[in-house]
């Protein structure tokens, strides 16, 4: 694999979606150019159903 590693706690990241702090498209244009993104997401207390909903929210926000 090759790309820029972006990491974070999924329990926190999902609260950033739709805010200026969760604007991945602008971040990529400004800081990453043509690099691929490798996401590493950790979980603190979300159950599997919540994680699935969060991942869908992230996908639809793109």
Protein backbone atom coordinates (compact mmCIF):
# COMPACT_ATOMS: atom_id res chain seq x y z
CA UNK A 1 0.00 0.00 0.00
CA UNK A 2 1.04 3.54 -0.60
CA UNK A 3 -0.55 6.84 0.38
CA UNK A 4 -1.04 9.35 3.15
CA UNK A 5 -2.19 7.77 6.41
CA UNK A 6 -5.05 9.61 8.12
CA UNK A 7 -5.99 8.25 11.51
CA UNK A 8 -8.52 8.98 14.17
CA UNK A 9 -11.20 7.74 16.51
CA UNK A 10 -14.39 7.08 14.54
CA UNK A 11 -16.46 8.04 17.61
CA UNK A 12 -15.05 11.59 17.31
CA UNK A 13 -14.56 11.89 13.55
CA UNK A 14 -18.23 11.38 12.74
CA UNK A 15 -19.06 14.57 14.67
CA UNK A 16 -16.80 16.55 12.30
CA UNK A 17 -18.66 15.55 9.12
CA UNK A 18 -20.33 18.57 7.58
CA UNK A 19 -18.18 21.07 9.47
CA UNK A 20 -15.16 23.01 8.18
CA UNK A 21 -12.98 20.60 10.18
CA UNK A 22 -14.35 17.61 8.31
CA UNK A 23 -13.80 18.95 4.78
CA UNK A 24 -11.57 16.20 3.38
CA UNK A 25 -11.84 17.38 -0.25
CA UNK A 26 -10.33 20.78 0.56
CA UNK A 27 -7.70 19.17 2.82
CA UNK A 28 -6.64 16.86 0.00
CA UNK A 29 -6.45 19.70 -2.55
CA UNK A 30 -4.42 21.87 -0.17
CA UNK A 31 -2.06 19.35 1.43
CA UNK A 32 -2.04 16.11 -0.53
CA UNK A 33 -2.21 16.82 -4.27
CA UNK A 34 -2.51 13.42 -5.99
CA UNK A 35 -1.71 11.17 -3.03
CA UNK A 36 -3.99 8.31 -2.08
CA UNK A 37 -5.60 8.26 1.36
CA UNK A 38 -5.27 5.33 3.74
CA UNK A 39 -7.75 5.58 6.59
CA UNK A 40 -6.97 4.04 9.96
CA UNK A 41 -10.01 4.33 12.19
CA UNK A 42 -10.12 3.18 15.78
CA UNK A 43 -13.22 2.69 17.88
CA UNK A 44 -13.72 3.52 21.54
CA UNK A 45 -17.28 2.55 22.36
CA UNK A 46 -19.44 2.41 19.22
CA UNK A 47 -21.11 -0.94 18.65
CA UNK A 48 -21.05 -2.62 15.20
CA UNK A 49 -24.42 -1.13 14.17
CA UNK A 50 -23.26 2.39 15.06
CA UNK A 51 -19.99 1.90 13.17
CA UNK A 52 -21.92 0.84 10.05
CA UNK A 53 -24.12 3.96 10.28
CA UNK A 54 -21.07 6.18 10.79
CA UNK A 55 -19.30 4.69 7.77
CA UNK A 56 -22.41 5.28 5.64
CA UNK A 57 -22.59 8.85 6.90
CA UNK A 58 -18.95 9.37 5.92
CA UNK A 59 -19.54 7.84 2.49
CA UNK A 60 -22.64 9.94 1.74
CA UNK A 61 -20.97 13.14 2.95
CA UNK A 62 -18.25 12.84 0.31
